[in-house]
Amino acid sequence: MNHFKLPLFLFFLIIGFVIHAQEIAVLKYNGGGDWYSNPTALPNLIKFCNSNINTRIDTKPQTVEPGSTDIFQYPFVHMTGHGNVIFSPDEIENLRNYLLSGGFLHIDDNYGMNEYVRKEIKKLFPDKELTEIASNHPVFSIAYKFPNGLPKIHEHDAQPPQAFGIFEKDRLILLFTFESDLGDGWESAEVHNDPEEDRLKALKMGANIIKYAFEN
């Protein structure tokens, strides 16, 4: 009798998404960049989502490495920082499998990682282009309306905010938010002293990203 053998990463994906469908994680990467920055950001975003868009996400986000099979347990993985990013060949393969199997990666440039992370994204998907996402994409309206696209939250170089993506067919699998600094807006009010209006915009945009990742 022939026995069907499920690939390991698909096994972890199926089991993990069933068991941990309401958990999210922060990506711990190599290269020297501060992957751990904005420590209050995700807990605040989780609290906002659980209160406003009917999620039941564990209030403590987990930490996961790009080369670990644990990543398949999380439908949403968040990545941020200010500096260098390096993915090893094994991490590239694992992270690519995760994204093509239904995972979602949100990279939020906390100012200073753009030039580094773009090189690693190109390694992840050498045959795909990181393209700017139009303001009519569902990620800008799935829960809260952002008719002009990505909001500007924290000022750095007086450049307009931009959202870039990698798509598999019609599904957005990797979102790179640039010159917006959503994570600063998610942080507790006393950390950056951003206006409450801007913090609310950041939280609403974050809720859109979470909802899109969970439902697509």
C-alpha atoms as a PDB file:
ATOM      1  CA  MET A   1       0.000   0.000   0.000  1.00  0.00           C
ATOM      2  CA  ASN A   2       1.258   3.487  -0.856  1.00  0.00           C
ATOM      3  CA  HIS A   3       1.242   5.916   2.060  1.00  0.00           C
ATOM      4  CA  PHE A   4       0.912   9.631   1.408  1.00  0.00           C
ATOM      5  CA  LYS A   5       3.621  11.538   3.273  1.00  0.00           C
ATOM      6  CA  LEU A   6       2.868  15.176   4.016  1.00  0.00           C
ATOM      7  CA  PRO A   7       5.900  17.488   3.759  1.00  0.00           C
ATOM      8  CA  LEU A   8       7.142  18.503   7.185  1.00  0.00           C
ATOM      9  CA  PHE A   9       6.493  22.206   6.730  1.00  0.00           C
ATOM     10  CA  LEU A  10       2.903  21.533   5.654  1.00  0.00           C
ATOM     11  CA  PHE A  11       2.403  19.309   8.681  1.00  0.00           C
ATOM     12  CA  PHE A  12       3.520  22.086  11.002  1.00  0.00           C
ATOM     13  CA  LEU A  13       1.454  24.609   9.073  1.00  0.00           C
ATOM     14  CA  ILE A  14      -1.776  22.626   9.376  1.00  0.00           C
ATOM     15  CA  ILE A  15      -1.272  21.603  12.999  1.00  0.00           C
ATOM     16  CA  GLY A  16       0.070  24.975  14.026  1.00  0.00           C
ATOM     17  CA  PHE A  17      -2.666  27.059  12.420  1.00  0.00           C
ATOM     18  CA  VAL A  18      -5.306  24.886  14.097  1.00  0.00           C
ATOM     19  CA  ILE A  19      -3.728  25.112  17.541  1.00  0.00           C
ATOM     20  CA  HIS A  20      -2.230  28.607  17.406  1.00  0.00           C
ATOM     21  CA  ALA A  21      -4.599  30.422  15.058  1.00  0.00           C
ATOM     22  CA  GLN A  22      -4.892  33.254  17.591  1.00  0.00           C
ATOM     23  CA  GLU A  23      -1.197  33.790  18.282  1.00  0.00           C
ATOM     24  CA  ILE A  24       1.240  36.075  16.499  1.00  0.00           C
ATOM     25  CA  ALA A  25       5.003  36.385  16.655  1.00  0.00           C
ATOM     26  CA  VAL A  26       7.928  38.773  16.300  1.00  0.00           C
ATOM     27  CA  LEU A  27      10.726  37.705  13.955  1.00  0.00           C
ATOM     28  CA  LYS A  28      14.151  37.418  15.597  1.00  0.00           C
ATOM     29  CA  TYR A  29      16.651  37.817  12.758  1.00  0.00           C
ATOM     30  CA  ASN A  30      20.442  37.972  12.497  1.00  0.00           C
ATOM     31  CA  GLY A  31      22.672  40.733  11.186  1.00  0.00           C
ATOM     32  CA  GLY A  32      22.856  43.092  14.138  1.00  0.00           C
ATOM     33  CA  GLY A  33      19.573  44.947  13.641  1.00  0.00           C
ATOM     34  CA  ASP A  34      17.432  45.556  16.719  1.00  0.00           C
ATOM     35  CA  TRP A  35      14.631  43.091  15.983  1.00  0.00           C
ATOM     36  CA  TYR A  36      13.391  43.628  19.564  1.00  0.00           C
ATOM     37  CA  SER A  37      12.618  47.347  19.182  1.00  0.00           C
ATOM     38  CA  ASN A  38       9.177  48.784  20.033  1.00  0.00           C
ATOM     39  CA  PRO A  39       8.502  46.288  22.842  1.00  0.00           C
ATOM     40  CA  THR A  40       5.070  47.696  23.739  1.00  0.00           C
ATOM     41  CA  ALA A  41       3.881  47.895  20.124  1.00  0.00           C
ATOM     42  CA  LEU A  42       2.474  44.434  19.453  1.00  0.00           C
ATOM     43  CA  PRO A  43       0.893  43.985  22.908  1.00  0.00           C
ATOM     44  CA  ASN A  44      -0.962  47.288  22.396  1.00  0.00           C
ATOM     45  CA  LEU A  45      -2.019  46.313  18.875  1.00  0.00           C
ATOM     46  CA  ILE A  46      -3.262  42.933  20.117  1.00  0.00           C
ATOM     47  CA  LYS A  47      -5.312  44.623  22.831  1.00  0.00           C
ATOM     48  CA  PHE A  48      -6.815  46.993  20.255  1.00  0.00           C
ATOM     49  CA  CYS A  49      -7.677  44.146  17.863  1.00  0.00           C
ATOM     50  CA  ASN A  50      -9.232  42.004  20.579  1.00  0.00           C
ATOM     51  CA  SER A  51     -11.390  44.949  21.673  1.00  0.00           C
ATOM     52  CA  ASN A  52     -12.397  46.218  18.242  1.00  0.00           C
ATOM     53  CA  ILE A  53     -12.290  43.574  15.492  1.00  0.00           C
ATOM     54  CA  ASN A  54     -13.361  40.459  17.399  1.00  0.00           C
ATOM     55  CA  THR A  55     -10.005  38.691  17.478  1.00  0.00           C
ATOM     56  CA  ARG A  56      -8.914  36.510  20.384  1.00  0.00           C
ATOM     57  CA  ILE A  57      -5.161  36.829  20.060  1.00  0.00           C
ATOM     58  CA  ASP A  58      -2.936  35.773  22.944  1.00  0.00           C
ATOM     59  CA  THR A  59      -1.922  39.022  24.647  1.00  0.00           C
ATOM     60  CA  LYS A  60       1.741  37.990  24.771  1.00  0.00           C
ATOM     61  CA  PRO A  61       3.307  37.839  21.292  1.00  0.00           C
ATOM     62  CA  GLN A  62       5.812  35.050  20.773  1.00  0.00           C
ATOM     63  CA  THR A  63       9.332  35.252  19.334  1.00  0.00           C
ATOM     64  CA  VAL A  64      10.281  33.105  16.355  1.00  0.00           C
ATOM     65  CA  GLU A  65      13.382  32.728  14.185  1.00  0.00           C
ATOM     66  CA  PRO A  66      13.163  32.598  10.376  1.00  0.00           C
ATOM     67  CA  GLY A  67      14.808  29.185  10.188  1.00  0.00           C
ATOM     68  CA  SER A  68      12.608  27.507  12.787  1.00  0.00           C
ATOM     69  CA  THR A  69       9.711  25.196  11.978  1.00  0.00           C
ATOM     70  CA  ASP A  70       7.884  26.967  14.819  1.00  0.00           C
ATOM     71  CA  ILE A  71       7.135  29.783  12.399  1.00  0.00           C
ATOM     72  CA  PHE A  72       4.451  27.618  10.765  1.00  0.00           C
ATOM     73  CA  GLN A  73       2.404  27.920  13.950  1.00  0.00           C
ATOM     74  CA  TYR A  74       1.688  31.618  13.370  1.00  0.00           C
ATOM     75  CA  PRO A  75      -0.567  33.083  10.675  1.00  0.00           C
ATOM     76  CA  PHE A  76       1.022  36.511  11.237  1.00  0.00           C
ATOM     77  CA  VAL A  77       4.678  37.349  11.865  1.00  0.00           C
ATOM     78  CA  HIS A  78       5.900  40.905  12.479  1.00  0.00           C
ATOM     79  CA  MET A  79       9.406  42.190  11.784  1.00  0.00           C
ATOM     80  CA  THR A  80      10.903  45.574  12.615  1.00  0.00           C
ATOM     81  CA  GLY A  81      14.161  47.324  13.484  1.00  0.00           C
ATOM     82  CA  HIS A  82      16.568  50.081  12.537  1.00  0.00           C
ATOM     83  CA  GLY A  83      19.549  48.281  11.016  1.00  0.00           C
ATOM     84  CA  ASN A  84      21.078  45.313   9.261  1.00  0.00           C
ATOM     85  CA  VAL A  85      19.194  42.135   8.377  1.00  0.00           C
ATOM     86  CA  ILE A  86      20.726  38.841   7.251  1.00  0.00           C
ATOM     87  CA  PHE A  87      18.897  35.623   6.359  1.00  0.00           C
ATOM     88  CA  SER A  88      20.978  32.470   5.880  1.00  0.00           C
ATOM     89  CA  PRO A  89      20.191  30.163   2.923  1.00  0.00           C
ATOM     90  CA  ASP A  90      18.325  27.767   5.244  1.00  0.00           C
ATOM     91  CA  GLU A  91      16.345  30.658   6.714  1.00  0.00           C
ATOM     92  CA  ILE A  92      15.499  31.895   3.231  1.00  0.00           C
ATOM     93  CA  GLU A  93      14.141  28.492   2.256  1.00  0.00           C
ATOM     94  CA  ASN A  94      12.135  28.082   5.459  1.00  0.00           C
ATOM     95  CA  LEU A  95      10.703  31.583   5.371  1.00  0.00           C
ATOM     96  CA  ARG A  96       9.780  31.228   1.700  1.00  0.00           C
ATOM     97  CA  ASN A  97       7.991  27.936   2.426  1.00  0.00           C
ATOM     98  CA  TYR A  98       6.142  29.591   5.289  1.00  0.00           C
ATOM     99  CA  LEU A  99       4.898  32.460   3.127  1.00  0.00           C
ATOM    100  CA  LEU A 100       3.943  30.292   0.150  1.00  0.00           C
ATOM    101  CA  SER A 101       2.098  27.914   2.457  1.00  0.00           C
ATOM    102  CA  GLY A 102      -0.266  30.540   3.850  1.00  0.00           C
ATOM    103  CA  GLY A 103       1.847  32.594   6.248  1.00  0.00           C
ATOM    104  CA  PHE A 104       2.086  36.380   6.320  1.00  0.00           C
ATOM    105  CA  LEU A 105       5.066  38.624   7.101  1.00  0.00           C
ATOM    106  CA  HIS A 106       4.694  42.308   7.956  1.00  0.00           C
ATOM    107  CA  ILE A 107       7.958  44.252   7.876  1.00  0.00           C
ATOM    108  CA  ASP A 108       7.721  47.714   9.426  1.00  0.00           C
ATOM    109  CA  ASP A 109      10.770  49.878   8.794  1.00  0.00           C
ATOM    110  CA  ASN A 110      11.484  51.582  12.103  1.00  0.00           C
ATOM    111  CA  TYR A 111      13.830  53.854  10.154  1.00  0.00           C
ATOM    112  CA  GLY A 112      17.137  52.522   8.893  1.00  0.00           C
ATOM    113  CA  MET A 113      16.435  48.954   7.744  1.00  0.00           C
ATOM    114  CA  ASN A 114      15.150  49.692   4.227  1.00  0.00           C
ATOM    115  CA  GLU A 115      18.388  49.203   2.302  1.00  0.00           C
ATOM    116  CA  TYR A 116      19.173  45.978   4.146  1.00  0.00           C
ATOM    117  CA  VAL A 117      15.802  44.271   4.164  1.00  0.00           C
ATOM    118  CA  ARG A 118      15.199  44.867   0.464  1.00  0.00           C
ATOM    119  CA  LYS A 119      18.260  42.748  -0.348  1.00  0.00           C
ATOM    120  CA  GLU A 120      16.932  39.907   1.779  1.00  0.00           C
ATOM    121  CA  ILE A 121      13.455  40.152   0.244  1.00  0.00           C
ATOM    122  CA  LYS A 122      15.083  39.781  -3.168  1.00  0.00           C
ATOM    123  CA  LYS A 123      16.794  36.612  -1.948  1.00  0.00           C
ATOM    124  CA  LEU A 124      13.458  35.333  -0.670  1.00  0.00           C
ATOM    125  CA  PHE A 125      11.714  35.880  -3.990  1.00  0.00           C
ATOM    126  CA  PRO A 126      14.230  36.461  -6.809  1.00  0.00           C
ATOM    127  CA  ASP A 127      11.476  36.048  -9.416  1.00  0.00           C
ATOM    128  CA  LYS A 128       9.037  38.469  -7.793  1.00  0.00           C
ATOM    129  CA  GLU A 129       9.101  42.249  -7.580  1.00  0.00           C
ATOM    130  CA  LEU A 130       8.450  44.224  -4.419  1.00  0.00           C
ATOM    131  CA  THR A 131       5.705  46.479  -5.788  1.00  0.00           C
ATOM    132  CA  GLU A 132       3.888  49.453  -4.318  1.00  0.00           C
ATOM    133  CA  ILE A 133       0.388  48.551  -3.159  1.00  0.00           C
ATOM    134  CA  ALA A 134      -2.469  50.612  -4.563  1.00  0.00           C
ATOM    135  CA  SER A 135      -4.722  52.448  -2.115  1.00  0.00           C
ATOM    136  CA  ASN A 136      -7.740  50.403  -3.267  1.00  0.00           C
ATOM    137  CA  HIS A 137      -6.218  47.131  -2.020  1.00  0.00           C
ATOM    138  CA  PRO A 138      -8.352  45.391   0.661  1.00  0.00           C
ATOM    139  CA  VAL A 139      -5.613  45.807   3.285  1.00  0.00           C
ATOM    140  CA  PHE A 140      -6.565  49.498   3.382  1.00  0.00           C
ATOM    141  CA  SER A 141     -10.280  48.901   3.906  1.00  0.00           C
ATOM    142  CA  ILE A 142     -10.889  45.432   5.360  1.00  0.00           C
ATOM    143  CA  ALA A 143     -11.790  46.823   8.820  1.00  0.00           C
ATOM    144  CA  TYR A 144     -11.057  50.570   8.727  1.00  0.00           C
ATOM    145  CA  LYS A 145     -11.030  52.830   5.687  1.00  0.00           C
ATOM    146  CA  PHE A 146      -7.781  54.404   4.512  1.00  0.00           C
ATOM    147  CA  PRO A 147      -8.752  55.822   1.104  1.00  0.00           C
ATOM    148  CA  ASN A 148      -5.321  57.383   0.623  1.00  0.00           C
ATOM    149  CA  GLY A 149      -3.419  54.260   1.561  1.00  0.00           C
ATOM    150  CA  LEU A 150      -0.809  53.936   4.301  1.00  0.00           C
ATOM    151  CA  PRO A 151      -0.997  56.679   6.965  1.00  0.00           C
ATOM    152  CA  LYS A 152       2.000  58.725   8.081  1.00  0.00           C
ATOM    153  CA  ILE A 153       2.570  58.162  11.801  1.00  0.00           C
ATOM    154  CA  HIS A 154       6.075  59.248  12.804  1.00  0.00           C
ATOM    155  CA  GLU A 155       8.162  61.801  10.946  1.00  0.00           C
ATOM    156  CA  HIS A 156      11.705  61.037   9.838  1.00  0.00           C
ATOM    157  CA  ASP A 157      12.728  62.338   6.417  1.00  0.00           C
ATOM    158  CA  ALA A 158       9.528  64.147   5.426  1.00  0.00           C
ATOM    159  CA  GLN A 159       8.934  61.454   2.809  1.00  0.00           C
ATOM    160  CA  PRO A 160       5.465  60.100   1.972  1.00  0.00           C
ATOM    161  CA  PRO A 161       4.529  56.738   3.521  1.00  0.00           C
ATOM    162  CA  GLN A 162       4.586  53.787   1.136  1.00  0.00           C
ATOM    163  CA  ALA A 163       3.360  50.206   1.346  1.00  0.00           C
ATOM    164  CA  PHE A 164       5.118  47.589  -0.756  1.00  0.00           C
ATOM    165  CA  GLY A 165       4.171  43.967  -1.204  1.00  0.00           C
ATOM    166  CA  ILE A 166       5.063  40.551  -2.505  1.00  0.00           C
ATOM    167  CA  PHE A 167       2.116  38.652  -3.954  1.00  0.00           C
ATOM    168  CA  GLU A 168       1.471  34.986  -4.644  1.00  0.00           C
ATOM    169  CA  LYS A 169      -1.220  35.033  -7.288  1.00  0.00           C
ATOM    170  CA  ASP A 170      -3.669  37.595  -5.866  1.00  0.00           C
ATOM    171  CA  ARG A 171      -2.740  37.112  -2.233  1.00  0.00           C
ATOM    172  CA  LEU A 172      -0.510  39.568  -0.402  1.00  0.00           C
ATOM    173  CA  ILE A 173       2.005  37.440   1.516  1.00  0.00           C
ATOM    174  CA  LEU A 174       4.627  40.019   2.506  1.00  0.00           C
ATOM    175  CA  LEU A 175       3.886  43.632   3.413  1.00  0.00           C
ATOM    176  CA  PHE A 176       6.699  46.171   3.798  1.00  0.00           C
ATOM    177  CA  THR A 177       5.607  49.490   5.329  1.00  0.00           C
ATOM    178  CA  PHE A 178       8.100  52.305   4.727  1.00  0.00           C
ATOM    179  CA  GLU A 179       8.294  55.921   5.993  1.00  0.00           C
ATOM    180  CA  SER A 180       5.193  55.375   8.108  1.00  0.00           C
ATOM    181  CA  ASP A 181       6.572  53.844  11.316  1.00  0.00           C
ATOM    182  CA  LEU A 182       3.385  52.110  12.377  1.00  0.00           C
ATOM    183  CA  GLY A 183       5.205  50.443  15.268  1.00  0.00           C
ATOM    184  CA  ASP A 184       5.974  53.781  16.908  1.00  0.00           C
ATOM    185  CA  GLY A 185       2.263  54.561  16.767  1.00  0.00           C
ATOM    186  CA  TRP A 186       1.400  51.214  18.354  1.00  0.00           C
ATOM    187  CA  GLU A 187       3.728  51.851  21.274  1.00  0.00           C
ATOM    188  CA  SER A 188       2.432  53.222  24.553  1.00  0.00           C
ATOM    189  CA  ALA A 189       1.629  56.935  24.403  1.00  0.00           C
ATOM    190  CA  GLU A 190       4.459  58.038  26.701  1.00  0.00           C
ATOM    191  CA  VAL A 191       7.167  56.410  24.578  1.00  0.00           C
ATOM    192  CA  HIS A 192       7.080  58.775  21.587  1.00  0.00           C
ATOM    193  CA  ASN A 193       4.452  61.336  22.602  1.00  0.00           C
ATOM    194  CA  ASP A 194       2.760  61.038  19.230  1.00  0.00           C
ATOM    195  CA  PRO A 195      -0.660  62.709  18.959  1.00  0.00           C
ATOM    196  CA  GLU A 196      -3.500  60.403  19.987  1.00  0.00           C
ATOM    197  CA  GLU A 197      -5.054  60.870  16.559  1.00  0.00           C
ATOM    198  CA  ASP A 198      -1.909  59.461  14.934  1.00  0.00           C
ATOM    199  CA  ARG A 199      -1.734  56.563  17.389  1.00  0.00           C
ATOM    200  CA  LEU A 200      -5.322  55.663  16.586  1.00  0.00           C
ATOM    201  CA  LYS A 201      -4.575  55.722  12.850  1.00  0.00           C
ATOM    202  CA  ALA A 202      -1.619  53.406  13.431  1.00  0.00           C
ATOM    203  CA  LEU A 203      -3.682  50.977  15.508  1.00  0.00           C
ATOM    204  CA  LYS A 204      -6.496  50.928  12.959  1.00  0.00           C
ATOM    205  CA  MET A 205      -4.044  50.287  10.107  1.00  0.00           C
ATOM    206  CA  GLY A 206      -2.431  47.536  12.185  1.00  0.00           C
ATOM    207  CA  ALA A 207      -5.845  45.995  12.775  1.00  0.00           C
ATOM    208  CA  ASN A 208      -6.402  45.978   9.021  1.00  0.00           C
ATOM    209  CA  ILE A 209      -3.130  44.123   8.498  1.00  0.00           C
ATOM    210  CA  ILE A 210      -3.952  41.559  11.186  1.00  0.00           C
ATOM    211  CA  LYS A 211      -7.450  40.988   9.810  1.00  0.00           C
ATOM    212  CA  TYR A 212      -6.160  40.590   6.248  1.00  0.00           C
ATOM    213  CA  ALA A 213      -3.485  38.116   7.362  1.00  0.00           C
ATOM    214  CA  PHE A 214      -5.989  36.046   9.347  1.00  0.00           C
ATOM    215  CA  GLU A 215      -8.664  35.945   6.641  1.00  0.00           C
ATOM    216  CA  ASN A 216      -6.643  35.541   3.423  1.00  0.00           C
END
